[in-house]
N, C-alpha and C. Protein backbone atom coordinates (compact mmCIF):
# COMPACT_ATOMS: atom_id res chain seq x y z
N UNK A 1 116.38 -215.73 -103.31
CA UNK A 1 117.40 -216.53 -104.00
C UNK A 1 116.90 -217.96 -104.19
N UNK A 2 117.04 -218.46 -105.39
CA UNK A 2 116.67 -219.85 -105.65
C UNK A 2 117.66 -220.78 -104.97
N UNK A 3 117.14 -221.92 -104.49
CA UNK A 3 117.98 -222.90 -103.83
C UNK A 3 117.70 -224.28 -104.42
N UNK A 4 118.74 -225.10 -104.46
CA UNK A 4 118.60 -226.47 -104.94
C UNK A 4 119.39 -227.40 -104.03
N UNK A 5 118.70 -228.39 -103.46
CA UNK A 5 119.36 -229.38 -102.63
C UNK A 5 119.95 -230.46 -103.55
N UNK A 6 121.25 -230.61 -103.52
CA UNK A 6 121.95 -231.52 -104.44
C UNK A 6 122.34 -232.79 -103.68
N UNK A 7 121.79 -233.94 -104.07
CA UNK A 7 122.05 -235.17 -103.33
C UNK A 7 123.45 -235.73 -103.59
N UNK A 8 123.91 -236.50 -102.62
CA UNK A 8 125.17 -237.23 -102.74
C UNK A 8 124.83 -238.64 -103.20
N UNK A 9 125.22 -238.98 -104.42
CA UNK A 9 124.92 -240.29 -105.00
C UNK A 9 126.22 -241.00 -105.37
N UNK A 10 126.19 -242.32 -105.35
CA UNK A 10 127.38 -243.11 -105.66
C UNK A 10 127.48 -243.34 -107.17
N UNK A 11 127.53 -242.25 -107.92
CA UNK A 11 127.49 -242.34 -109.37
C UNK A 11 128.77 -242.94 -109.94
N UNK A 12 129.91 -242.60 -109.36
CA UNK A 12 131.18 -243.06 -109.92
C UNK A 12 131.35 -244.57 -109.85
N UNK A 13 130.53 -245.23 -109.04
CA UNK A 13 130.63 -246.68 -108.93
C UNK A 13 129.97 -247.39 -110.11
N UNK A 14 129.18 -246.67 -110.89
CA UNK A 14 128.54 -247.26 -112.06
C UNK A 14 129.57 -247.51 -113.15
N UNK A 15 129.45 -248.59 -113.87
CA UNK A 15 130.45 -248.97 -114.86
C UNK A 15 130.38 -248.16 -116.14
N UNK A 16 129.17 -247.80 -116.58
CA UNK A 16 129.02 -247.13 -117.86
C UNK A 16 128.40 -245.75 -117.69
N UNK A 17 128.61 -244.90 -118.68
CA UNK A 17 128.01 -243.57 -118.64
C UNK A 17 126.49 -243.67 -118.68
N UNK A 18 125.96 -244.69 -119.32
CA UNK A 18 124.51 -244.84 -119.41
C UNK A 18 123.92 -245.18 -118.04
N UNK A 19 124.63 -245.98 -117.26
CA UNK A 19 124.19 -246.28 -115.90
C UNK A 19 124.25 -245.03 -115.02
N UNK A 20 125.29 -244.22 -115.23
CA UNK A 20 125.43 -242.99 -114.45
C UNK A 20 124.29 -242.02 -114.76
N UNK A 21 123.96 -241.90 -116.03
CA UNK A 21 122.86 -241.02 -116.43
C UNK A 21 121.54 -241.53 -115.87
N UNK A 22 121.37 -242.85 -115.87
CA UNK A 22 120.13 -243.44 -115.35
C UNK A 22 119.93 -243.08 -113.88
N UNK A 23 120.98 -243.20 -113.08
CA UNK A 23 120.89 -242.85 -111.66
C UNK A 23 120.64 -241.36 -111.48
N UNK A 24 121.32 -240.55 -112.28
CA UNK A 24 121.16 -239.10 -112.19
C UNK A 24 119.73 -238.70 -112.52
N UNK A 25 119.14 -239.31 -113.54
CA UNK A 25 117.76 -238.99 -113.91
C UNK A 25 116.77 -239.45 -112.85
N UNK A 26 117.09 -240.56 -112.17
CA UNK A 26 116.19 -241.11 -111.17
C UNK A 26 116.26 -240.37 -109.84
N UNK A 27 117.48 -240.01 -109.41
CA UNK A 27 117.63 -239.50 -108.05
C UNK A 27 118.28 -238.12 -107.95
N UNK A 28 118.75 -237.57 -109.07
CA UNK A 28 119.37 -236.25 -109.03
C UNK A 28 118.33 -235.15 -108.83
N UNK A 29 118.77 -234.02 -108.30
CA UNK A 29 117.89 -232.85 -108.17
C UNK A 29 117.62 -232.28 -109.55
N UNK A 30 116.39 -231.85 -109.78
CA UNK A 30 116.02 -231.31 -111.09
C UNK A 30 115.78 -229.81 -111.00
N UNK A 31 116.33 -229.09 -111.96
CA UNK A 31 116.12 -227.64 -112.05
C UNK A 31 115.65 -227.30 -113.45
N UNK A 32 114.62 -226.50 -113.55
CA UNK A 32 114.12 -226.04 -114.84
C UNK A 32 114.83 -224.75 -115.23
N UNK A 33 115.39 -224.74 -116.41
CA UNK A 33 116.05 -223.54 -116.94
C UNK A 33 115.01 -222.81 -117.78
N UNK A 34 114.16 -222.05 -117.13
CA UNK A 34 112.94 -221.55 -117.77
C UNK A 34 112.72 -220.05 -117.63
N UNK A 35 113.73 -219.33 -117.14
CA UNK A 35 113.57 -217.89 -116.97
C UNK A 35 113.90 -217.16 -118.27
N UNK A 36 112.89 -216.51 -118.86
CA UNK A 36 113.09 -215.70 -120.08
C UNK A 36 113.28 -214.26 -119.60
N UNK A 37 114.53 -213.88 -119.40
CA UNK A 37 114.82 -212.63 -118.71
C UNK A 37 114.70 -211.38 -119.59
N UNK A 38 114.78 -211.57 -120.91
CA UNK A 38 114.76 -210.43 -121.83
C UNK A 38 113.69 -210.68 -122.89
N UNK A 39 112.46 -210.76 -122.40
CA UNK A 39 111.34 -211.20 -123.23
C UNK A 39 111.04 -210.27 -124.38
N UNK A 40 111.30 -208.97 -124.23
CA UNK A 40 110.95 -208.02 -125.29
C UNK A 40 111.83 -208.21 -126.52
N UNK A 41 113.09 -208.58 -126.33
CA UNK A 41 114.00 -208.75 -127.46
C UNK A 41 114.28 -210.21 -127.79
N UNK A 42 114.21 -211.08 -126.78
CA UNK A 42 114.53 -212.50 -126.98
C UNK A 42 113.48 -213.33 -126.25
N UNK A 43 112.34 -213.51 -126.92
CA UNK A 43 111.20 -214.16 -126.28
C UNK A 43 111.21 -215.68 -126.43
N UNK A 44 112.13 -216.20 -127.21
CA UNK A 44 112.16 -217.63 -127.45
C UNK A 44 112.38 -218.41 -126.15
N UNK A 45 111.53 -219.43 -125.95
CA UNK A 45 111.69 -220.34 -124.82
C UNK A 45 111.53 -221.76 -125.34
N UNK A 46 112.13 -222.70 -124.66
CA UNK A 46 111.98 -224.10 -124.99
C UNK A 46 112.21 -224.91 -123.73
N UNK A 47 111.67 -226.14 -123.67
CA UNK A 47 111.83 -226.94 -122.46
C UNK A 47 113.29 -227.35 -122.24
N UNK A 48 113.86 -226.92 -121.12
CA UNK A 48 115.24 -227.27 -120.76
C UNK A 48 115.28 -227.57 -119.27
N UNK A 49 115.85 -228.71 -118.91
CA UNK A 49 116.05 -229.04 -117.51
C UNK A 49 117.48 -229.54 -117.31
N UNK A 50 117.93 -229.50 -116.06
CA UNK A 50 119.22 -230.07 -115.71
C UNK A 50 119.04 -230.89 -114.44
N UNK A 51 119.62 -232.07 -114.43
CA UNK A 51 119.67 -232.92 -113.24
C UNK A 51 121.06 -232.76 -112.62
N UNK A 52 121.10 -232.69 -111.28
CA UNK A 52 122.34 -232.37 -110.59
C UNK A 52 122.55 -233.34 -109.43
N UNK A 53 123.80 -233.81 -109.26
CA UNK A 53 124.18 -234.62 -108.11
C UNK A 53 125.69 -234.51 -107.93
N UNK A 54 126.18 -235.04 -106.80
CA UNK A 54 127.62 -235.09 -106.57
C UNK A 54 127.95 -236.37 -105.81
N UNK A 55 129.23 -236.69 -105.71
CA UNK A 55 129.65 -237.85 -104.93
C UNK A 55 130.81 -237.51 -104.00
N UNK A 56 130.96 -236.23 -103.71
CA UNK A 56 132.05 -235.78 -102.87
C UNK A 56 133.29 -235.38 -103.64
N UNK A 57 133.47 -235.97 -104.82
CA UNK A 57 134.66 -235.72 -105.63
C UNK A 57 134.38 -234.98 -106.93
N UNK A 58 133.18 -235.15 -107.46
CA UNK A 58 132.80 -234.52 -108.73
C UNK A 58 131.35 -234.06 -108.67
N UNK A 59 131.04 -233.08 -109.51
CA UNK A 59 129.66 -232.64 -109.71
C UNK A 59 129.18 -233.23 -111.03
N UNK A 60 127.95 -233.76 -111.03
CA UNK A 60 127.39 -234.41 -112.22
C UNK A 60 126.19 -233.60 -112.71
N UNK A 61 126.19 -233.27 -114.00
CA UNK A 61 125.11 -232.50 -114.60
C UNK A 61 124.57 -233.25 -115.82
N UNK A 62 123.26 -233.25 -115.96
CA UNK A 62 122.64 -233.86 -117.14
C UNK A 62 121.56 -232.92 -117.65
N UNK A 63 121.86 -232.25 -118.76
CA UNK A 63 120.94 -231.30 -119.38
C UNK A 63 120.08 -232.02 -120.42
N UNK A 64 118.81 -231.64 -120.47
CA UNK A 64 117.88 -232.16 -121.48
C UNK A 64 117.20 -230.98 -122.17
N UNK A 65 117.35 -230.90 -123.49
CA UNK A 65 116.80 -229.81 -124.30
C UNK A 65 115.83 -230.41 -125.31
N UNK A 66 114.65 -229.81 -125.41
CA UNK A 66 113.61 -230.36 -126.28
C UNK A 66 113.24 -229.38 -127.38
N UNK A 67 113.29 -229.86 -128.64
CA UNK A 67 112.73 -229.14 -129.77
C UNK A 67 113.49 -227.91 -130.22
N UNK A 68 114.83 -228.00 -130.29
CA UNK A 68 115.62 -226.85 -130.72
C UNK A 68 116.07 -227.02 -132.17
N UNK A 69 116.03 -225.94 -132.94
CA UNK A 69 116.67 -225.91 -134.26
C UNK A 69 118.15 -225.65 -134.02
N UNK A 70 118.93 -226.72 -133.95
CA UNK A 70 120.28 -226.60 -133.40
C UNK A 70 121.28 -225.97 -134.37
N UNK A 71 122.29 -225.37 -133.77
CA UNK A 71 123.48 -224.89 -134.48
C UNK A 71 124.68 -225.54 -133.81
N UNK A 72 125.61 -226.05 -134.62
CA UNK A 72 126.78 -226.75 -134.08
C UNK A 72 127.99 -226.46 -134.96
N UNK A 73 128.48 -225.22 -134.89
CA UNK A 73 129.59 -224.80 -135.74
C UNK A 73 130.95 -225.01 -135.09
N UNK A 74 131.01 -224.95 -133.76
CA UNK A 74 132.29 -225.04 -133.05
C UNK A 74 132.57 -226.47 -132.62
N UNK A 75 133.72 -226.97 -133.04
CA UNK A 75 134.06 -228.37 -132.77
C UNK A 75 135.25 -228.53 -131.83
N UNK A 76 135.90 -227.44 -131.49
CA UNK A 76 137.08 -227.49 -130.64
C UNK A 76 136.82 -226.79 -129.31
N UNK A 77 137.47 -227.26 -128.25
CA UNK A 77 137.37 -226.60 -126.96
C UNK A 77 137.85 -225.16 -127.06
N UNK A 78 137.25 -224.30 -126.28
CA UNK A 78 137.56 -222.87 -126.20
C UNK A 78 137.17 -222.10 -127.46
N UNK A 79 136.28 -222.69 -128.26
CA UNK A 79 135.70 -221.95 -129.37
C UNK A 79 134.53 -221.10 -128.89
N UNK A 80 133.83 -220.48 -129.82
CA UNK A 80 132.69 -219.60 -129.48
C UNK A 80 131.43 -220.45 -129.29
N UNK A 81 131.46 -221.32 -128.30
CA UNK A 81 130.38 -222.30 -128.14
C UNK A 81 129.05 -221.65 -127.79
N UNK A 82 129.07 -220.47 -127.18
CA UNK A 82 127.83 -219.79 -126.82
C UNK A 82 127.02 -219.35 -128.04
N UNK A 83 127.67 -219.30 -129.19
CA UNK A 83 126.96 -218.98 -130.41
C UNK A 83 126.15 -220.16 -130.94
N UNK A 84 126.53 -221.37 -130.53
CA UNK A 84 125.84 -222.59 -130.91
C UNK A 84 124.71 -222.91 -129.95
N UNK A 85 124.08 -224.05 -130.16
CA UNK A 85 123.16 -224.61 -129.17
C UNK A 85 124.00 -225.00 -127.97
N UNK A 86 123.79 -224.32 -126.85
CA UNK A 86 124.76 -224.36 -125.76
C UNK A 86 124.05 -224.37 -124.41
N UNK A 87 124.62 -225.11 -123.46
CA UNK A 87 124.19 -225.05 -122.07
C UNK A 87 125.39 -224.67 -121.21
N UNK A 88 125.11 -224.02 -120.07
CA UNK A 88 126.21 -223.45 -119.29
C UNK A 88 125.97 -223.62 -117.79
N UNK A 89 127.08 -223.67 -117.06
CA UNK A 89 127.07 -223.73 -115.61
C UNK A 89 128.09 -222.72 -115.09
N UNK A 90 127.61 -221.72 -114.34
CA UNK A 90 128.47 -220.73 -113.71
C UNK A 90 128.44 -220.98 -112.22
N UNK A 91 129.59 -220.90 -111.54
CA UNK A 91 129.62 -221.20 -110.12
C UNK A 91 130.63 -220.34 -109.38
N UNK A 92 130.36 -220.17 -108.10
CA UNK A 92 131.21 -219.37 -107.24
C UNK A 92 131.26 -220.03 -105.86
N UNK A 93 132.45 -220.31 -105.38
CA UNK A 93 132.59 -220.88 -104.06
C UNK A 93 132.11 -219.89 -103.00
N UNK A 94 131.56 -220.40 -101.94
CA UNK A 94 131.07 -219.55 -100.86
C UNK A 94 132.21 -218.70 -100.32
N UNK A 95 131.99 -217.38 -100.28
CA UNK A 95 132.99 -216.46 -99.76
C UNK A 95 133.98 -215.93 -100.79
N UNK A 96 133.95 -216.47 -102.01
CA UNK A 96 134.87 -216.02 -103.07
C UNK A 96 134.32 -214.80 -103.79
N UNK A 97 135.22 -213.99 -104.33
CA UNK A 97 134.83 -212.88 -105.19
C UNK A 97 134.93 -213.26 -106.66
N UNK A 98 135.69 -214.30 -106.97
CA UNK A 98 135.82 -214.77 -108.35
C UNK A 98 134.79 -215.86 -108.62
N UNK A 99 134.63 -216.21 -109.90
CA UNK A 99 133.69 -217.26 -110.27
C UNK A 99 134.24 -218.00 -111.49
N UNK A 100 133.64 -219.16 -111.78
CA UNK A 100 134.06 -219.98 -112.92
C UNK A 100 132.86 -220.29 -113.81
N UNK A 101 133.13 -220.37 -115.11
CA UNK A 101 132.07 -220.73 -116.05
C UNK A 101 132.47 -221.95 -116.85
N UNK A 102 131.49 -222.80 -117.09
CA UNK A 102 131.66 -223.99 -117.92
C UNK A 102 130.56 -223.94 -118.98
N UNK A 103 130.95 -223.74 -120.23
CA UNK A 103 130.00 -223.58 -121.33
C UNK A 103 130.25 -224.67 -122.36
N UNK A 104 129.20 -225.41 -122.73
CA UNK A 104 129.38 -226.58 -123.59
C UNK A 104 128.30 -226.61 -124.65
N UNK A 105 128.70 -226.81 -125.90
CA UNK A 105 127.70 -226.87 -126.96
C UNK A 105 127.22 -228.29 -127.18
N UNK A 106 126.32 -228.44 -128.12
CA UNK A 106 125.65 -229.71 -128.37
C UNK A 106 126.62 -230.81 -128.79
N UNK A 107 127.79 -230.45 -129.29
CA UNK A 107 128.79 -231.42 -129.71
C UNK A 107 129.74 -231.81 -128.57
N UNK A 108 129.62 -231.14 -127.44
CA UNK A 108 130.52 -231.41 -126.34
C UNK A 108 131.76 -230.54 -126.32
N UNK A 109 131.86 -229.57 -127.23
CA UNK A 109 132.97 -228.61 -127.19
C UNK A 109 132.78 -227.71 -125.98
N UNK A 110 133.84 -227.54 -125.21
CA UNK A 110 133.74 -226.90 -123.90
C UNK A 110 134.71 -225.74 -123.77
N UNK A 111 134.26 -224.70 -123.12
CA UNK A 111 135.19 -223.65 -122.67
C UNK A 111 134.94 -223.42 -121.20
N UNK A 112 135.99 -223.07 -120.50
CA UNK A 112 135.88 -222.78 -119.07
C UNK A 112 136.94 -221.76 -118.70
N UNK A 113 136.62 -220.93 -117.74
CA UNK A 113 137.55 -219.89 -117.31
C UNK A 113 137.29 -219.54 -115.86
N UNK A 114 138.33 -218.95 -115.26
CA UNK A 114 138.26 -218.44 -113.88
C UNK A 114 138.22 -216.92 -113.99
N UNK A 115 137.13 -216.32 -113.54
CA UNK A 115 136.87 -214.90 -113.78
C UNK A 115 137.00 -214.05 -112.53
N UNK A 116 137.67 -212.91 -112.70
CA UNK A 116 137.54 -211.81 -111.74
C UNK A 116 136.38 -210.92 -112.16
N UNK A 117 136.30 -210.65 -113.46
CA UNK A 117 135.17 -209.95 -114.07
C UNK A 117 134.87 -210.67 -115.39
N UNK A 118 133.87 -210.22 -116.10
CA UNK A 118 133.55 -210.83 -117.39
C UNK A 118 134.75 -210.74 -118.34
N UNK A 119 135.44 -209.60 -118.31
CA UNK A 119 136.55 -209.37 -119.24
C UNK A 119 137.88 -209.92 -118.72
N UNK A 120 138.05 -209.97 -117.41
CA UNK A 120 139.33 -210.38 -116.83
C UNK A 120 139.22 -211.82 -116.36
N UNK A 121 139.82 -212.73 -117.15
CA UNK A 121 139.65 -214.15 -116.87
C UNK A 121 140.86 -214.95 -117.33
N UNK A 122 141.00 -216.13 -116.74
CA UNK A 122 142.08 -217.05 -117.08
C UNK A 122 141.46 -218.36 -117.56
N UNK A 123 141.82 -218.78 -118.78
CA UNK A 123 141.29 -220.03 -119.30
C UNK A 123 141.73 -221.21 -118.44
N UNK A 124 140.80 -222.14 -118.22
CA UNK A 124 141.09 -223.33 -117.42
C UNK A 124 141.46 -224.49 -118.35
N UNK A 125 142.63 -224.38 -118.97
CA UNK A 125 143.02 -225.35 -119.99
C UNK A 125 143.15 -226.76 -119.42
N UNK A 126 143.89 -226.90 -118.34
CA UNK A 126 144.08 -228.23 -117.75
C UNK A 126 142.77 -228.77 -117.20
N UNK A 127 141.98 -227.92 -116.59
CA UNK A 127 140.73 -228.35 -116.01
C UNK A 127 139.73 -228.84 -117.06
N UNK A 128 139.70 -228.17 -118.21
CA UNK A 128 138.80 -228.59 -119.28
C UNK A 128 139.10 -230.01 -119.73
N UNK A 129 140.38 -230.35 -119.78
CA UNK A 129 140.76 -231.70 -120.20
C UNK A 129 140.23 -232.76 -119.24
N UNK A 130 139.96 -232.39 -118.00
CA UNK A 130 139.52 -233.36 -117.00
C UNK A 130 138.00 -233.50 -116.93
N UNK A 131 137.26 -232.65 -117.65
CA UNK A 131 135.80 -232.69 -117.62
C UNK A 131 135.29 -233.70 -118.66
N UNK A 132 134.63 -234.75 -118.19
CA UNK A 132 134.06 -235.75 -119.10
C UNK A 132 132.74 -235.23 -119.66
N UNK A 133 132.53 -235.49 -120.98
CA UNK A 133 131.31 -235.03 -121.63
C UNK A 133 130.73 -236.13 -122.50
N UNK A 134 129.41 -236.18 -122.54
CA UNK A 134 128.72 -237.15 -123.40
C UNK A 134 127.42 -236.50 -123.86
N UNK A 135 127.22 -236.42 -125.18
CA UNK A 135 126.00 -235.79 -125.70
C UNK A 135 125.27 -236.74 -126.63
N UNK A 136 123.96 -236.52 -126.75
CA UNK A 136 123.14 -237.26 -127.71
C UNK A 136 122.27 -236.25 -128.46
N UNK A 137 121.94 -236.58 -129.70
CA UNK A 137 121.08 -235.72 -130.51
C UNK A 137 120.07 -236.61 -131.23
N UNK A 138 118.79 -236.23 -131.14
CA UNK A 138 117.73 -236.95 -131.86
C UNK A 138 116.99 -235.94 -132.72
N UNK A 139 117.12 -236.09 -134.03
CA UNK A 139 116.44 -235.18 -134.96
C UNK A 139 115.01 -235.65 -135.22
N UNK A 140 114.11 -234.70 -135.41
CA UNK A 140 112.73 -235.01 -135.76
C UNK A 140 112.11 -233.80 -136.45
N UNK A 141 110.90 -233.97 -136.95
CA UNK A 141 110.21 -232.86 -137.62
C UNK A 141 109.02 -232.41 -136.79
N UNK A 142 108.89 -231.10 -136.69
CA UNK A 142 107.81 -230.49 -135.94
C UNK A 142 107.23 -229.37 -136.78
N UNK A 143 105.97 -229.52 -137.18
CA UNK A 143 105.29 -228.55 -138.04
C UNK A 143 106.09 -228.27 -139.31
N UNK A 144 106.64 -229.33 -139.88
CA UNK A 144 107.31 -229.23 -141.17
C UNK A 144 108.75 -228.77 -141.13
N UNK A 145 109.33 -228.56 -139.95
CA UNK A 145 110.72 -228.15 -139.86
C UNK A 145 111.48 -229.09 -138.94
N UNK A 146 112.77 -229.24 -139.21
CA UNK A 146 113.58 -230.13 -138.40
C UNK A 146 113.98 -229.46 -137.09
N UNK A 147 113.74 -230.14 -136.00
CA UNK A 147 114.20 -229.73 -134.68
C UNK A 147 114.89 -230.92 -134.04
N UNK A 148 115.53 -230.68 -132.93
CA UNK A 148 116.28 -231.75 -132.28
C UNK A 148 116.03 -231.74 -130.78
N UNK A 149 115.95 -232.94 -130.24
CA UNK A 149 115.98 -233.14 -128.79
C UNK A 149 117.40 -233.59 -128.47
N UNK A 150 118.06 -232.91 -127.53
CA UNK A 150 119.44 -233.29 -127.26
C UNK A 150 119.75 -233.25 -125.77
N UNK A 151 120.77 -234.01 -125.41
CA UNK A 151 121.18 -234.08 -124.01
C UNK A 151 122.67 -233.86 -123.91
N UNK A 152 123.09 -233.43 -122.74
CA UNK A 152 124.52 -233.27 -122.45
C UNK A 152 124.79 -233.70 -121.01
N UNK A 153 125.72 -234.63 -120.86
CA UNK A 153 126.12 -235.12 -119.54
C UNK A 153 127.54 -234.65 -119.26
N UNK A 154 127.75 -234.08 -118.08
CA UNK A 154 129.06 -233.57 -117.68
C UNK A 154 129.46 -234.13 -116.33
N UNK A 155 130.73 -234.49 -116.20
CA UNK A 155 131.32 -234.81 -114.91
C UNK A 155 132.42 -233.77 -114.66
N UNK A 156 132.22 -232.91 -113.67
CA UNK A 156 133.17 -231.83 -113.38
C UNK A 156 133.90 -232.16 -112.08
N UNK A 157 135.18 -232.50 -112.14
CA UNK A 157 135.93 -232.82 -110.91
C UNK A 157 136.02 -231.60 -110.00
N UNK A 158 136.17 -231.86 -108.71
CA UNK A 158 136.18 -230.77 -107.74
C UNK A 158 137.32 -229.79 -107.99
N UNK A 159 138.47 -230.27 -108.46
CA UNK A 159 139.60 -229.34 -108.68
C UNK A 159 139.29 -228.35 -109.79
N UNK A 160 138.46 -228.77 -110.77
CA UNK A 160 138.09 -227.86 -111.85
C UNK A 160 137.22 -226.72 -111.34
N UNK A 161 136.56 -226.95 -110.19
CA UNK A 161 135.71 -225.92 -109.60
C UNK A 161 136.43 -225.12 -108.52
N UNK A 162 137.73 -225.39 -108.35
CA UNK A 162 138.53 -224.61 -107.42
C UNK A 162 138.67 -225.19 -106.03
N UNK A 163 138.31 -226.47 -105.86
CA UNK A 163 138.46 -227.12 -104.57
C UNK A 163 139.80 -227.86 -104.51
N UNK A 164 140.40 -227.87 -103.33
CA UNK A 164 141.70 -228.53 -103.15
C UNK A 164 141.53 -230.04 -103.03
N UNK A 165 142.64 -230.75 -103.18
CA UNK A 165 142.61 -232.21 -103.15
C UNK A 165 142.08 -232.74 -101.82
N UNK A 166 142.38 -232.04 -100.72
CA UNK A 166 141.96 -232.53 -99.41
C UNK A 166 140.57 -232.04 -99.00
N UNK A 167 139.89 -231.34 -99.90
CA UNK A 167 138.52 -230.91 -99.65
C UNK A 167 137.54 -231.91 -100.28
N UNK A 168 136.35 -231.98 -99.70
CA UNK A 168 135.29 -232.78 -100.30
C UNK A 168 134.09 -231.88 -100.56
N UNK A 169 133.22 -232.31 -101.46
CA UNK A 169 132.06 -231.51 -101.82
C UNK A 169 130.91 -231.64 -100.81
N UNK A 170 130.96 -232.68 -99.99
CA UNK A 170 129.90 -232.89 -99.00
C UNK A 170 129.72 -231.65 -98.13
N UNK A 171 128.50 -231.15 -98.04
CA UNK A 171 128.20 -230.02 -97.17
C UNK A 171 128.56 -228.67 -97.73
N UNK A 172 129.14 -228.62 -98.92
CA UNK A 172 129.51 -227.33 -99.51
C UNK A 172 128.27 -226.58 -99.99
N UNK A 173 128.37 -225.26 -99.95
CA UNK A 173 127.36 -224.40 -100.54
C UNK A 173 128.01 -223.64 -101.69
N UNK A 174 127.43 -223.77 -102.86
CA UNK A 174 127.99 -223.16 -104.07
C UNK A 174 126.95 -222.23 -104.67
N UNK A 175 127.31 -220.98 -104.87
CA UNK A 175 126.43 -220.06 -105.59
C UNK A 175 126.58 -220.34 -107.08
N UNK A 176 125.45 -220.42 -107.79
CA UNK A 176 125.53 -220.89 -109.17
C UNK A 176 124.30 -220.49 -109.97
N UNK A 177 124.45 -220.61 -111.28
CA UNK A 177 123.31 -220.49 -112.19
C UNK A 177 123.52 -221.44 -113.35
N UNK A 178 122.40 -221.89 -113.90
CA UNK A 178 122.41 -222.75 -115.09
C UNK A 178 121.77 -221.97 -116.23
N UNK A 179 122.35 -222.12 -117.41
CA UNK A 179 121.89 -221.33 -118.55
C UNK A 179 121.68 -222.19 -119.79
N UNK A 180 120.83 -221.69 -120.69
CA UNK A 180 120.67 -222.23 -122.04
C UNK A 180 120.69 -221.05 -122.99
N UNK A 181 121.56 -221.11 -123.98
CA UNK A 181 121.65 -219.99 -124.92
C UNK A 181 121.96 -220.51 -126.32
N UNK A 182 122.00 -219.59 -127.24
CA UNK A 182 122.31 -219.88 -128.64
C UNK A 182 122.31 -218.57 -129.40
N UNK A 183 123.40 -217.82 -129.26
CA UNK A 183 123.45 -216.46 -129.80
C UNK A 183 123.23 -216.39 -131.30
N UNK A 184 123.74 -217.41 -132.02
CA UNK A 184 123.63 -217.37 -133.48
C UNK A 184 122.77 -218.51 -134.03
N UNK A 185 121.93 -219.08 -133.19
CA UNK A 185 120.98 -220.07 -133.67
C UNK A 185 119.87 -219.37 -134.46
N UNK A 186 119.03 -220.16 -135.10
CA UNK A 186 117.94 -219.58 -135.89
C UNK A 186 117.00 -218.74 -135.03
N UNK A 187 116.90 -219.12 -133.75
CA UNK A 187 116.06 -218.39 -132.81
C UNK A 187 116.89 -218.07 -131.56
N UNK A 188 117.63 -216.97 -131.59
CA UNK A 188 118.49 -216.64 -130.44
C UNK A 188 117.70 -216.61 -129.13
N UNK A 189 118.32 -217.13 -128.07
CA UNK A 189 117.62 -217.23 -126.79
C UNK A 189 118.64 -217.19 -125.66
N UNK A 190 118.16 -216.76 -124.49
CA UNK A 190 119.01 -216.61 -123.30
C UNK A 190 118.16 -216.97 -122.09
N UNK A 191 118.21 -218.22 -121.67
CA UNK A 191 117.40 -218.72 -120.57
C UNK A 191 118.27 -219.00 -119.35
N UNK A 192 117.68 -218.87 -118.17
CA UNK A 192 118.43 -219.15 -116.94
C UNK A 192 117.55 -219.88 -115.94
N UNK A 193 118.20 -220.51 -114.96
CA UNK A 193 117.49 -221.13 -113.83
C UNK A 193 117.11 -220.05 -112.81
N UNK A 194 118.09 -219.30 -112.35
CA UNK A 194 117.85 -218.20 -111.42
C UNK A 194 117.66 -216.92 -112.23
N UNK A 195 116.61 -216.15 -111.97
CA UNK A 195 116.31 -214.97 -112.79
C UNK A 195 117.38 -213.89 -112.71
N UNK A 196 117.49 -213.12 -113.79
CA UNK A 196 118.48 -212.05 -113.89
C UNK A 196 117.73 -210.74 -114.18
N UNK A 197 117.92 -209.77 -113.33
CA UNK A 197 117.22 -208.49 -113.47
C UNK A 197 118.17 -207.44 -114.03
N UNK A 198 118.39 -207.52 -115.34
CA UNK A 198 119.22 -206.56 -116.06
C UNK A 198 118.53 -206.22 -117.38
N UNK A 199 118.84 -205.08 -117.99
CA UNK A 199 118.13 -204.68 -119.22
C UNK A 199 118.56 -205.44 -120.47
N UNK A 200 119.78 -205.99 -120.49
CA UNK A 200 120.27 -206.69 -121.68
C UNK A 200 120.91 -208.01 -121.26
N UNK A 201 121.00 -208.99 -122.18
CA UNK A 201 121.54 -210.30 -121.82
C UNK A 201 122.96 -210.24 -121.26
N UNK A 202 123.15 -210.88 -120.12
CA UNK A 202 124.46 -210.98 -119.50
C UNK A 202 124.39 -212.09 -118.46
N UNK A 203 125.19 -213.13 -118.65
CA UNK A 203 125.22 -214.25 -117.71
C UNK A 203 126.33 -214.11 -116.67
N UNK A 204 127.23 -213.17 -116.86
CA UNK A 204 128.38 -212.99 -115.95
C UNK A 204 127.99 -212.08 -114.79
N UNK A 205 127.02 -212.53 -114.01
CA UNK A 205 126.43 -211.69 -112.97
C UNK A 205 126.24 -212.52 -111.70
N UNK A 206 127.31 -212.73 -110.91
CA UNK A 206 127.20 -213.53 -109.69
C UNK A 206 126.16 -213.03 -108.70
N UNK A 207 125.82 -211.74 -108.78
CA UNK A 207 124.83 -211.21 -107.84
C UNK A 207 123.44 -211.83 -108.06
N UNK A 208 123.23 -212.48 -109.20
CA UNK A 208 121.96 -213.12 -109.48
C UNK A 208 122.04 -214.65 -109.43
N UNK A 209 123.15 -215.19 -108.96
CA UNK A 209 123.28 -216.64 -108.81
C UNK A 209 122.31 -217.14 -107.75
N UNK A 210 121.87 -218.38 -107.93
CA UNK A 210 121.14 -219.09 -106.89
C UNK A 210 122.12 -219.84 -105.99
N UNK A 211 121.60 -220.78 -105.18
CA UNK A 211 122.43 -221.49 -104.24
C UNK A 211 122.24 -223.00 -104.39
N UNK A 212 123.36 -223.71 -104.55
CA UNK A 212 123.35 -225.17 -104.53
C UNK A 212 123.83 -225.62 -103.16
N UNK A 213 123.01 -226.38 -102.47
CA UNK A 213 123.35 -226.91 -101.16
C UNK A 213 123.65 -228.40 -101.29
N UNK A 214 124.92 -228.74 -101.24
CA UNK A 214 125.36 -230.11 -101.47
C UNK A 214 125.25 -230.94 -100.20
N UNK A 215 124.53 -232.03 -100.27
CA UNK A 215 124.37 -232.90 -99.12
C UNK A 215 125.68 -233.60 -98.77
């Protein structure tokens, strides 16, 4: 099982989102989302990393994607964001049978749900409203075609992840996986941090989650 030590940083004390991202890039734990699990049908890979930290009250994620021919069709929360240029965070509290997914496209459109199974889930409408998002896109040309380098910054409050008000994230162990996908992009791809041993693409598989160890 993959493991990631997630540091406790005083990110919320920073005044601007740019200062928060700067600290996250400097001191956050880095994970490469580089597992091409279905190479025979979806061999596309691209450089994707995520920086991770917490402050006891929220989890902070900063995704960096390099050189993607982006798709950005969904502009509203709870749309089909996985069809676009999309990054995802799936998590499960230690000892739980259920799990939660947070999927966000390049525009910051987000969907989240609390799952018993892939099909049986409850949308996290109130929780989505509490998740702060900030994205950037830089277009450029590579071998005569336009590609984009893009980033996505997320602040996920502890209650959105199923923690109570009187709980803190310090010392918690969270089973999780980070993903990069784009079902309807020009080059469909399905990348993960922790590898998935299944014959066809499926991210709703807690048995293949890695472990985040929060300091």
